[in-house]
């Protein structure tokens, strides 16, 4: 089922963040939400995930099982990479499958705790965790932030390959990312 967002309004005190925002998001497609800082992209994502309440408007079609990559990685710092991913996987997913996914995007030290990882390595673990989760929809808030160009290209290709026929909503500031991902695009302005 496609996701329908109609007339969403959200304010924080006197600050209007979303003012009548509407969009259609196709099921089993990658949709990028793009716009300048402060236009409400993250707030919209949080409303769609159910983490924030809208003031007005309607939303329909959001699957129940959700996964996310936030702007912060939100990993269990004392766990290794495989254990961080394992927490959200369906039963029956083997550690060897998780290891293979991590290794495919350059995470090869699978025994050390992620607190010893660089920021870019943590980001990649968070992305693999979201993709391998037992979810029907993925919300990705600037998932490639902090990755160098070569790593970003590798991770984008991995993401496209491993999210086919899943609904993915991705927030970005980068038109280059939108072009590389060949996705549907929703452009948000300063004031919606």
N, C-alpha and C. Protein backbone atom coordinates (compact mmCIF):
# COMPACT_ATOMS: atom_id res chain seq x y z
N UNK A 1 0.83 -1.17 0.00
CA UNK A 1 0.00 0.00 0.00
C UNK A 1 0.88 1.25 0.00
N UNK A 2 0.57 2.19 -0.86
CA UNK A 2 1.29 3.46 -0.87
C UNK A 2 1.00 4.22 0.41
N UNK A 3 1.92 5.11 0.78
CA UNK A 3 1.73 5.95 1.96
C UNK A 3 1.18 7.29 1.50
N UNK A 4 0.11 7.72 2.15
CA UNK A 4 -0.51 9.00 1.83
C UNK A 4 -0.33 9.94 3.03
N UNK A 5 0.26 11.10 2.76
CA UNK A 5 0.47 12.12 3.78
C UNK A 5 -0.31 13.34 3.31
N UNK A 6 -1.25 13.80 4.14
CA UNK A 6 -2.14 14.88 3.70
C UNK A 6 -2.31 15.96 4.77
N UNK A 7 -1.93 17.17 4.41
CA UNK A 7 -2.17 18.35 5.24
C UNK A 7 -1.51 18.31 6.60
N UNK A 8 -0.28 17.78 6.67
CA UNK A 8 0.39 17.66 7.96
C UNK A 8 0.87 19.03 8.44
N UNK A 9 0.49 19.33 9.67
CA UNK A 9 0.95 20.55 10.33
C UNK A 9 1.66 20.16 11.62
N UNK A 10 2.76 20.86 11.89
CA UNK A 10 3.50 20.62 13.13
C UNK A 10 4.21 21.91 13.54
N UNK A 11 3.99 22.29 14.79
CA UNK A 11 4.67 23.45 15.36
C UNK A 11 5.35 23.04 16.65
N UNK A 12 6.43 23.72 16.95
CA UNK A 12 7.08 23.62 18.25
C UNK A 12 7.00 25.01 18.86
N UNK A 13 6.06 25.18 19.76
CA UNK A 13 5.81 26.52 20.30
C UNK A 13 5.32 27.43 19.19
N UNK A 14 5.99 28.54 19.00
CA UNK A 14 5.61 29.51 17.97
C UNK A 14 6.19 29.14 16.60
N UNK A 15 7.14 28.22 16.57
CA UNK A 15 7.82 27.88 15.32
C UNK A 15 7.01 26.85 14.53
N UNK A 16 6.54 27.25 13.36
CA UNK A 16 5.83 26.34 12.46
C UNK A 16 6.87 25.60 11.64
N UNK A 17 6.87 24.28 11.76
CA UNK A 17 7.86 23.46 11.05
C UNK A 17 7.24 22.87 9.78
N UNK A 18 6.04 22.35 9.88
CA UNK A 18 5.31 21.83 8.72
C UNK A 18 3.95 22.52 8.69
N UNK A 19 3.59 23.02 7.51
CA UNK A 19 2.35 23.78 7.40
C UNK A 19 1.54 23.28 6.20
N UNK A 20 0.80 22.20 6.43
CA UNK A 20 -0.03 21.64 5.36
C UNK A 20 0.72 20.77 4.38
N UNK A 21 1.76 20.08 4.84
CA UNK A 21 2.58 19.25 3.95
C UNK A 21 1.80 18.01 3.50
N UNK A 22 1.86 17.73 2.20
CA UNK A 22 1.22 16.54 1.63
C UNK A 22 2.18 15.86 0.66
N UNK A 23 2.09 14.54 0.59
CA UNK A 23 2.93 13.78 -0.34
C UNK A 23 2.37 12.37 -0.48
N UNK A 24 2.73 11.74 -1.59
CA UNK A 24 2.43 10.32 -1.81
C UNK A 24 3.77 9.61 -1.93
N UNK A 25 3.91 8.51 -1.19
CA UNK A 25 5.15 7.74 -1.18
C UNK A 25 4.81 6.33 -1.66
N UNK A 26 5.43 5.94 -2.76
CA UNK A 26 5.09 4.65 -3.36
C UNK A 26 5.63 3.48 -2.56
N UNK A 27 4.80 2.46 -2.43
CA UNK A 27 5.21 1.23 -1.77
C UNK A 27 6.30 0.55 -2.58
N UNK A 28 7.25 -0.05 -1.86
CA UNK A 28 8.34 -0.82 -2.48
C UNK A 28 9.21 0.00 -3.41
N UNK A 29 9.35 1.29 -3.10
CA UNK A 29 10.23 2.18 -3.84
C UNK A 29 11.11 2.94 -2.85
N UNK A 30 12.21 3.46 -3.37
CA UNK A 30 13.07 4.35 -2.60
C UNK A 30 12.63 5.78 -2.90
N UNK A 31 12.30 6.52 -1.86
CA UNK A 31 11.89 7.91 -1.99
C UNK A 31 12.85 8.77 -1.19
N UNK A 32 13.44 9.77 -1.84
CA UNK A 32 14.33 10.71 -1.16
C UNK A 32 13.57 11.99 -0.86
N UNK A 33 13.72 12.47 0.36
CA UNK A 33 13.17 13.75 0.76
C UNK A 33 14.34 14.71 0.85
N UNK A 34 14.24 15.79 0.09
CA UNK A 34 15.35 16.72 -0.02
C UNK A 34 14.87 18.13 0.28
N UNK A 35 15.73 18.94 0.87
CA UNK A 35 15.40 20.32 1.14
C UNK A 35 16.45 20.93 2.04
N UNK A 36 16.39 22.24 2.21
CA UNK A 36 17.39 22.93 3.03
C UNK A 36 17.24 22.60 4.52
N UNK A 37 18.29 22.85 5.28
CA UNK A 37 18.24 22.66 6.73
C UNK A 37 17.09 23.48 7.31
N UNK A 38 16.39 22.89 8.26
CA UNK A 38 15.34 23.61 8.96
C UNK A 38 13.98 23.59 8.29
N UNK A 39 13.84 22.84 7.18
CA UNK A 39 12.56 22.85 6.46
C UNK A 39 11.60 21.77 6.97
N UNK A 40 12.03 20.94 7.91
CA UNK A 40 11.12 19.96 8.52
C UNK A 40 11.30 18.52 8.09
N UNK A 41 12.40 18.19 7.41
CA UNK A 41 12.60 16.83 6.91
C UNK A 41 12.66 15.80 8.05
N UNK A 42 13.49 16.07 9.05
CA UNK A 42 13.62 15.14 10.17
C UNK A 42 12.33 15.08 10.97
N UNK A 43 11.68 16.21 11.15
CA UNK A 43 10.39 16.22 11.86
C UNK A 43 9.38 15.36 11.12
N UNK A 44 9.34 15.48 9.81
CA UNK A 44 8.43 14.65 9.01
C UNK A 44 8.74 13.17 9.21
N UNK A 45 10.02 12.81 9.14
CA UNK A 45 10.42 11.41 9.35
C UNK A 45 9.97 10.93 10.73
N UNK A 46 10.19 11.75 11.75
CA UNK A 46 9.79 11.37 13.12
C UNK A 46 8.28 11.20 13.24
N UNK A 47 7.51 12.01 12.54
CA UNK A 47 6.06 11.85 12.54
C UNK A 47 5.67 10.55 11.84
N UNK A 48 6.29 10.27 10.70
CA UNK A 48 5.99 9.04 9.97
C UNK A 48 6.35 7.80 10.78
N UNK A 49 7.42 7.89 11.57
CA UNK A 49 7.83 6.76 12.41
C UNK A 49 7.00 6.62 13.67
N UNK A 50 6.20 7.65 13.98
CA UNK A 50 5.41 7.62 15.20
C UNK A 50 6.15 8.10 16.43
N UNK A 51 7.30 8.73 16.24
CA UNK A 51 8.10 9.24 17.35
C UNK A 51 7.68 10.65 17.75
N UNK A 52 6.97 11.32 16.87
CA UNK A 52 6.50 12.69 17.10
C UNK A 52 5.05 12.74 16.66
N UNK A 53 4.23 13.50 17.36
CA UNK A 53 2.81 13.63 17.00
C UNK A 53 2.61 14.83 16.09
N UNK A 54 1.81 14.66 15.06
CA UNK A 54 1.44 15.77 14.19
C UNK A 54 0.37 16.60 14.89
N UNK A 55 0.27 17.89 14.55
CA UNK A 55 -0.78 18.75 15.10
C UNK A 55 -2.07 18.57 14.31
N UNK A 56 -1.93 18.42 12.99
CA UNK A 56 -3.10 18.24 12.11
C UNK A 56 -2.68 17.39 10.93
N UNK A 57 -3.70 16.89 10.21
CA UNK A 57 -3.46 16.14 8.99
C UNK A 57 -3.66 14.65 9.18
N UNK A 58 -3.52 13.92 8.07
CA UNK A 58 -3.71 12.48 8.10
C UNK A 58 -2.55 11.76 7.41
N UNK A 59 -2.29 10.56 7.90
CA UNK A 59 -1.27 9.69 7.32
C UNK A 59 -1.86 8.30 7.25
N UNK A 60 -1.72 7.64 6.11
CA UNK A 60 -2.18 6.26 6.00
C UNK A 60 -1.16 5.44 5.22
N UNK A 61 -1.16 4.15 5.48
CA UNK A 61 -0.32 3.24 4.71
C UNK A 61 1.04 2.94 5.31
N UNK A 62 1.33 3.43 6.51
CA UNK A 62 2.64 3.15 7.13
C UNK A 62 2.64 1.72 7.66
N UNK A 63 3.58 0.89 7.18
CA UNK A 63 3.67 -0.48 7.72
C UNK A 63 4.00 -0.46 9.21
N UNK A 64 3.60 -1.52 9.89
CA UNK A 64 3.81 -1.59 11.34
C UNK A 64 5.27 -1.80 11.70
N UNK A 65 5.98 -2.68 10.98
CA UNK A 65 7.37 -2.99 11.31
C UNK A 65 8.29 -1.97 10.63
N UNK A 66 8.95 -1.16 11.46
CA UNK A 66 9.78 -0.07 10.95
C UNK A 66 11.23 -0.25 11.41
N UNK A 67 12.13 0.30 10.61
CA UNK A 67 13.54 0.35 10.98
C UNK A 67 14.07 1.71 10.59
N UNK A 68 15.13 2.15 11.29
CA UNK A 68 15.62 3.50 11.02
C UNK A 68 17.13 3.60 11.18
N UNK A 69 17.69 4.53 10.41
CA UNK A 69 19.03 5.04 10.65
C UNK A 69 18.83 6.52 10.97
N UNK A 70 19.16 6.88 12.20
CA UNK A 70 19.01 8.26 12.65
C UNK A 70 20.27 9.04 12.30
N UNK A 71 20.24 10.35 12.54
CA UNK A 71 21.45 11.13 12.31
C UNK A 71 22.57 10.71 13.26
N UNK A 72 22.19 10.21 14.44
CA UNK A 72 23.16 9.60 15.36
C UNK A 72 23.06 8.09 15.14
N UNK A 73 24.14 7.38 15.32
CA UNK A 73 24.15 5.96 14.96
C UNK A 73 23.35 5.08 15.92
N UNK A 74 23.25 5.44 17.19
CA UNK A 74 22.45 4.73 18.18
C UNK A 74 22.79 3.23 18.26
N UNK A 75 24.08 2.95 18.30
CA UNK A 75 24.54 1.57 18.45
C UNK A 75 24.76 1.26 19.92
N UNK A 76 24.80 -0.01 20.25
CA UNK A 76 25.21 -0.46 21.58
C UNK A 76 26.73 -0.51 21.57
N UNK A 77 27.35 0.49 22.17
CA UNK A 77 28.79 0.73 22.03
C UNK A 77 29.66 -0.43 22.52
N UNK A 78 29.18 -1.20 23.51
CA UNK A 78 30.01 -2.29 24.03
C UNK A 78 29.86 -3.58 23.23
N UNK A 79 28.89 -3.62 22.31
CA UNK A 79 28.68 -4.80 21.46
C UNK A 79 29.55 -4.70 20.22
N UNK A 80 29.88 -5.86 19.64
CA UNK A 80 30.58 -5.83 18.36
C UNK A 80 29.57 -5.57 17.24
N UNK A 81 30.07 -5.44 16.02
CA UNK A 81 29.21 -5.09 14.88
C UNK A 81 28.13 -6.15 14.63
N UNK A 82 28.51 -7.42 14.67
CA UNK A 82 27.56 -8.50 14.41
C UNK A 82 26.45 -8.49 15.46
N UNK A 83 26.80 -8.31 16.72
CA UNK A 83 25.79 -8.28 17.79
C UNK A 83 24.85 -7.09 17.65
N UNK A 84 25.37 -5.95 17.20
CA UNK A 84 24.51 -4.79 16.98
C UNK A 84 23.47 -5.07 15.91
N UNK A 85 23.87 -5.75 14.85
CA UNK A 85 22.93 -6.08 13.77
C UNK A 85 21.99 -7.20 14.21
N UNK A 86 22.51 -8.20 14.90
CA UNK A 86 21.74 -9.36 15.34
C UNK A 86 20.48 -8.96 16.12
N UNK A 87 20.55 -7.87 16.88
CA UNK A 87 19.43 -7.46 17.74
C UNK A 87 18.13 -7.24 16.98
N UNK A 88 18.21 -6.90 15.71
CA UNK A 88 16.99 -6.54 14.96
C UNK A 88 16.65 -7.53 13.85
N UNK A 89 17.43 -8.57 13.71
CA UNK A 89 17.20 -9.54 12.64
C UNK A 89 16.09 -10.52 13.00
N UNK A 90 15.46 -11.04 11.97
CA UNK A 90 14.49 -12.12 12.16
C UNK A 90 15.24 -13.36 12.65
N UNK A 91 14.53 -14.22 13.35
CA UNK A 91 15.14 -15.48 13.79
C UNK A 91 15.57 -16.25 12.55
N UNK A 92 16.67 -16.92 12.66
CA UNK A 92 17.14 -17.73 11.55
C UNK A 92 18.19 -17.06 10.69
N UNK A 93 18.41 -15.76 10.85
CA UNK A 93 19.47 -15.09 10.09
C UNK A 93 20.79 -15.46 10.75
N UNK A 94 21.67 -16.08 9.98
CA UNK A 94 22.93 -16.58 10.52
C UNK A 94 23.95 -15.46 10.67
N UNK A 95 24.82 -15.62 11.67
CA UNK A 95 25.91 -14.66 11.87
C UNK A 95 26.77 -14.53 10.61
N UNK A 96 26.91 -15.63 9.87
CA UNK A 96 27.72 -15.58 8.65
C UNK A 96 27.09 -14.65 7.61
N UNK A 97 25.76 -14.57 7.56
CA UNK A 97 25.07 -13.64 6.65
C UNK A 97 25.33 -12.21 7.09
N UNK A 98 25.20 -11.96 8.39
CA UNK A 98 25.46 -10.61 8.91
C UNK A 98 26.90 -10.21 8.62
N UNK A 99 27.84 -11.12 8.89
CA UNK A 99 29.26 -10.84 8.64
C UNK A 99 29.51 -10.53 7.18
N UNK A 100 28.87 -11.28 6.30
CA UNK A 100 29.03 -11.06 4.86
C UNK A 100 28.56 -9.67 4.45
N UNK A 101 27.43 -9.23 4.99
CA UNK A 101 26.92 -7.89 4.69
C UNK A 101 27.88 -6.82 5.19
N UNK A 102 28.35 -6.97 6.41
CA UNK A 102 29.29 -5.99 6.97
C UNK A 102 30.58 -5.94 6.16
N UNK A 103 31.10 -7.10 5.82
CA UNK A 103 32.35 -7.16 5.07
C UNK A 103 32.19 -6.56 3.67
N UNK A 104 30.99 -6.68 3.09
CA UNK A 104 30.78 -6.16 1.74
C UNK A 104 30.88 -4.63 1.68
N UNK A 105 30.75 -3.96 2.83
CA UNK A 105 30.92 -2.50 2.84
C UNK A 105 32.11 -2.08 3.70
N UNK A 106 33.07 -3.00 3.83
CA UNK A 106 34.36 -2.65 4.40
C UNK A 106 34.51 -2.77 5.91
N UNK A 107 33.60 -3.45 6.58
CA UNK A 107 33.75 -3.67 8.03
C UNK A 107 34.30 -5.08 8.20
N UNK A 108 35.59 -5.17 8.49
CA UNK A 108 36.22 -6.49 8.56
C UNK A 108 36.57 -6.91 9.98
N UNK A 109 36.77 -5.97 10.91
CA UNK A 109 37.07 -6.34 12.29
C UNK A 109 35.75 -6.52 13.02
N UNK A 110 35.30 -7.76 13.09
CA UNK A 110 33.97 -8.04 13.62
C UNK A 110 33.96 -8.41 15.10
N UNK A 111 35.14 -8.47 15.72
CA UNK A 111 35.17 -8.89 17.12
C UNK A 111 35.26 -7.73 18.11
N UNK A 112 35.82 -6.60 17.69
CA UNK A 112 36.00 -5.50 18.65
C UNK A 112 34.69 -4.75 18.88
N UNK A 113 34.52 -4.15 20.06
CA UNK A 113 33.30 -3.38 20.31
C UNK A 113 33.25 -2.16 19.39
N UNK A 114 32.04 -1.76 19.01
CA UNK A 114 31.91 -0.66 18.04
C UNK A 114 32.37 0.68 18.62
N UNK A 115 32.52 0.80 19.93
CA UNK A 115 33.03 2.05 20.50
C UNK A 115 34.45 2.35 19.99
N UNK A 116 35.15 1.32 19.50
CA UNK A 116 36.50 1.47 18.97
C UNK A 116 36.49 1.80 17.47
N UNK A 117 35.33 1.85 16.86
CA UNK A 117 35.21 2.12 15.43
C UNK A 117 35.26 3.63 15.16
N UNK A 118 35.66 3.96 13.96
CA UNK A 118 35.57 5.36 13.50
C UNK A 118 34.09 5.71 13.28
N UNK A 119 33.81 6.99 13.13
CA UNK A 119 32.44 7.42 12.86
C UNK A 119 31.86 6.81 11.60
N UNK A 120 32.68 6.72 10.56
CA UNK A 120 32.21 6.14 9.30
C UNK A 120 31.92 4.66 9.41
N UNK A 121 32.71 3.96 10.21
CA UNK A 121 32.46 2.53 10.42
C UNK A 121 31.16 2.33 11.20
N UNK A 122 30.95 3.14 12.23
CA UNK A 122 29.70 3.06 13.00
C UNK A 122 28.50 3.32 12.11
N UNK A 123 28.63 4.30 11.24
CA UNK A 123 27.53 4.64 10.33
C UNK A 123 27.18 3.44 9.46
N UNK A 124 28.20 2.75 8.95
CA UNK A 124 27.95 1.58 8.09
C UNK A 124 27.30 0.44 8.86
N UNK A 125 27.68 0.24 10.13
CA UNK A 125 27.03 -0.78 10.95
C UNK A 125 25.55 -0.43 11.13
N UNK A 126 25.26 0.86 11.38
CA UNK A 126 23.87 1.29 11.55
C UNK A 126 23.06 1.04 10.28
N UNK A 127 23.66 1.26 9.13
CA UNK A 127 22.96 1.04 7.85
C UNK A 127 22.68 -0.45 7.65
N UNK A 128 23.68 -1.30 7.88
CA UNK A 128 23.47 -2.75 7.74
C UNK A 128 22.40 -3.22 8.72
N UNK A 129 22.44 -2.70 9.94
CA UNK A 129 21.44 -3.08 10.94
C UNK A 129 20.03 -2.76 10.45
N UNK A 130 19.83 -1.58 9.89
CA UNK A 130 18.50 -1.20 9.39
C UNK A 130 18.08 -2.08 8.22
N UNK A 131 19.00 -2.35 7.31
CA UNK A 131 18.67 -3.12 6.12
C UNK A 131 18.36 -4.58 6.46
N UNK A 132 19.08 -5.16 7.41
CA UNK A 132 18.86 -6.56 7.77
C UNK A 132 17.76 -6.74 8.82
N UNK A 133 17.18 -5.64 9.27
CA UNK A 133 16.12 -5.74 10.28
C UNK A 133 14.90 -6.44 9.70
N UNK A 134 14.11 -6.97 10.60
CA UNK A 134 12.86 -7.63 10.23
C UNK A 134 11.77 -6.56 10.12
N UNK A 135 11.90 -5.68 9.13
CA UNK A 135 10.97 -4.55 8.98
C UNK A 135 10.42 -4.49 7.57
N UNK A 136 9.34 -3.74 7.42
CA UNK A 136 8.73 -3.56 6.10
C UNK A 136 9.02 -2.19 5.50
N UNK A 137 9.52 -1.27 6.32
CA UNK A 137 9.85 0.07 5.84
C UNK A 137 11.11 0.55 6.54
N UNK A 138 11.95 1.26 5.78
CA UNK A 138 13.18 1.82 6.34
C UNK A 138 13.11 3.34 6.26
N UNK A 139 13.47 3.98 7.36
CA UNK A 139 13.58 5.44 7.44
C UNK A 139 15.06 5.76 7.63
N UNK A 140 15.63 6.52 6.72
CA UNK A 140 17.07 6.81 6.77
C UNK A 140 17.27 8.32 6.76
N UNK A 141 17.78 8.86 7.87
CA UNK A 141 17.97 10.30 8.02
C UNK A 141 19.43 10.64 7.79
N UNK A 142 19.73 11.12 6.59
CA UNK A 142 21.10 11.44 6.17
C UNK A 142 22.06 10.27 6.46
N UNK A 143 21.77 9.10 5.90
CA UNK A 143 22.53 7.90 6.25
C UNK A 143 23.99 7.91 5.79
N UNK A 144 24.33 8.74 4.80
CA UNK A 144 25.68 8.71 4.26
C UNK A 144 26.55 9.83 4.82
N UNK A 145 26.02 10.57 5.80
CA UNK A 145 26.76 11.67 6.42
C UNK A 145 28.06 11.16 7.02
N UNK A 146 29.15 11.83 6.72
CA UNK A 146 30.44 11.47 7.31
C UNK A 146 31.21 10.41 6.54
N UNK A 147 30.66 9.91 5.44
CA UNK A 147 31.39 8.91 4.64
C UNK A 147 32.16 9.61 3.53
N UNK A 148 33.39 9.16 3.29
CA UNK A 148 34.14 9.72 2.16
C UNK A 148 33.50 9.25 0.86
N UNK A 149 33.86 9.88 -0.25
CA UNK A 149 33.17 9.65 -1.53
C UNK A 149 33.21 8.19 -1.97
N UNK A 150 34.38 7.53 -1.85
CA UNK A 150 34.47 6.14 -2.28
C UNK A 150 33.61 5.23 -1.42
N UNK A 151 33.66 5.43 -0.11
CA UNK A 151 32.86 4.62 0.80
C UNK A 151 31.37 4.89 0.57
N UNK A 152 31.02 6.15 0.35
CA UNK A 152 29.63 6.51 0.11
C UNK A 152 29.10 5.79 -1.13
N UNK A 153 29.89 5.76 -2.20
CA UNK A 153 29.47 5.07 -3.42
C UNK A 153 29.26 3.59 -3.17
N UNK A 154 30.16 2.97 -2.41
CA UNK A 154 30.05 1.56 -2.07
C UNK A 154 28.79 1.29 -1.25
N UNK A 155 28.54 2.13 -0.26
CA UNK A 155 27.39 1.94 0.63
C UNK A 155 26.08 2.20 -0.10
N UNK A 156 26.06 3.21 -0.99
CA UNK A 156 24.83 3.47 -1.76
C UNK A 156 24.51 2.28 -2.66
N UNK A 157 25.51 1.72 -3.31
CA UNK A 157 25.27 0.55 -4.17
C UNK A 157 24.77 -0.63 -3.33
N UNK A 158 25.36 -0.82 -2.16
CA UNK A 158 24.92 -1.89 -1.24
C UNK A 158 23.46 -1.67 -0.85
N UNK A 159 23.13 -0.43 -0.51
CA UNK A 159 21.77 -0.13 -0.07
C UNK A 159 20.76 -0.39 -1.17
N UNK A 160 21.04 0.09 -2.38
CA UNK A 160 20.12 -0.12 -3.51
C UNK A 160 19.92 -1.61 -3.75
N UNK A 161 21.00 -2.36 -3.75
CA UNK A 161 20.93 -3.81 -4.00
C UNK A 161 20.11 -4.54 -2.94
N UNK A 162 20.22 -4.09 -1.70
CA UNK A 162 19.61 -4.82 -0.59
C UNK A 162 18.28 -4.26 -0.09
N UNK A 163 17.74 -3.29 -0.82
CA UNK A 163 16.42 -2.76 -0.44
C UNK A 163 15.43 -2.85 -1.60
N UNK A 164 15.75 -3.63 -2.60
CA UNK A 164 14.80 -3.80 -3.70
C UNK A 164 13.49 -4.35 -3.15
N UNK A 165 12.38 -3.82 -3.67
CA UNK A 165 11.04 -4.26 -3.25
C UNK A 165 10.76 -4.02 -1.77
N UNK A 166 11.38 -2.99 -1.22
CA UNK A 166 11.06 -2.52 0.13
C UNK A 166 10.79 -1.02 0.04
N UNK A 167 9.96 -0.54 0.94
CA UNK A 167 9.69 0.89 1.00
C UNK A 167 10.80 1.54 1.82
N UNK A 168 11.48 2.51 1.21
CA UNK A 168 12.58 3.22 1.87
C UNK A 168 12.34 4.71 1.73
N UNK A 169 12.41 5.43 2.85
CA UNK A 169 12.30 6.89 2.84
C UNK A 169 13.62 7.43 3.37
N UNK A 170 14.31 8.21 2.55
CA UNK A 170 15.66 8.67 2.86
C UNK A 170 15.71 10.19 2.81
N UNK A 171 16.20 10.81 3.87
CA UNK A 171 16.39 12.26 3.90
C UNK A 171 17.82 12.56 3.48
N UNK A 172 17.99 13.55 2.60
CA UNK A 172 19.31 13.96 2.16
C UNK A 172 19.33 15.45 1.81
N UNK A 173 20.51 16.01 1.85
CA UNK A 173 20.74 17.38 1.35
C UNK A 173 21.38 17.35 -0.03
N UNK A 174 21.75 16.15 -0.50
CA UNK A 174 22.62 16.02 -1.67
C UNK A 174 21.87 15.60 -2.93
N UNK A 175 21.88 16.47 -3.93
CA UNK A 175 21.30 16.12 -5.22
C UNK A 175 22.10 15.00 -5.88
N UNK A 176 23.41 14.94 -5.64
CA UNK A 176 24.23 13.85 -6.17
C UNK A 176 23.76 12.50 -5.64
N UNK A 177 23.39 12.44 -4.35
CA UNK A 177 22.88 11.19 -3.79
C UNK A 177 21.55 10.82 -4.44
N UNK A 178 20.68 11.79 -4.63
CA UNK A 178 19.38 11.54 -5.27
C UNK A 178 19.60 10.96 -6.66
N UNK A 179 20.51 11.56 -7.43
CA UNK A 179 20.79 11.07 -8.79
C UNK A 179 21.39 9.67 -8.77
N UNK A 180 22.32 9.42 -7.85
CA UNK A 180 22.98 8.11 -7.78
C UNK A 180 22.01 7.01 -7.35
N UNK A 181 21.04 7.36 -6.53
CA UNK A 181 20.10 6.37 -6.01
C UNK A 181 18.92 6.13 -6.95
N UNK A 182 18.75 7.00 -7.95
CA UNK A 182 17.67 6.84 -8.93
C UNK A 182 16.33 6.60 -8.22
N UNK A 183 15.97 7.57 -7.37
CA UNK A 183 14.80 7.40 -6.51
C UNK A 183 13.70 8.40 -6.87
N UNK A 184 12.52 8.18 -6.29
CA UNK A 184 11.49 9.20 -6.32
C UNK A 184 11.98 10.33 -5.43
N UNK A 185 11.60 11.58 -5.73
CA UNK A 185 12.08 12.69 -4.92
C UNK A 185 10.93 13.56 -4.47
N UNK A 186 10.96 13.91 -3.20
CA UNK A 186 10.05 14.89 -2.63
C UNK A 186 10.90 16.08 -2.21
N UNK A 187 10.61 17.23 -2.78
CA UNK A 187 11.38 18.44 -2.48
C UNK A 187 10.61 19.27 -1.49
N UNK A 188 11.23 19.55 -0.35
CA UNK A 188 10.62 20.39 0.67
C UNK A 188 11.28 21.76 0.63
N UNK A 189 10.49 22.80 0.84
CA UNK A 189 11.03 24.16 0.84
C UNK A 189 11.22 24.67 2.24
N UNK A 190 11.55 25.95 2.35
CA UNK A 190 11.75 26.58 3.65
C UNK A 190 10.50 26.48 4.51
N UNK A 191 9.36 26.75 3.92
CA UNK A 191 8.08 26.69 4.64
C UNK A 191 7.13 25.81 3.86
N UNK A 192 6.67 24.76 4.49
CA UNK A 192 5.70 23.88 3.82
C UNK A 192 4.31 24.30 4.21
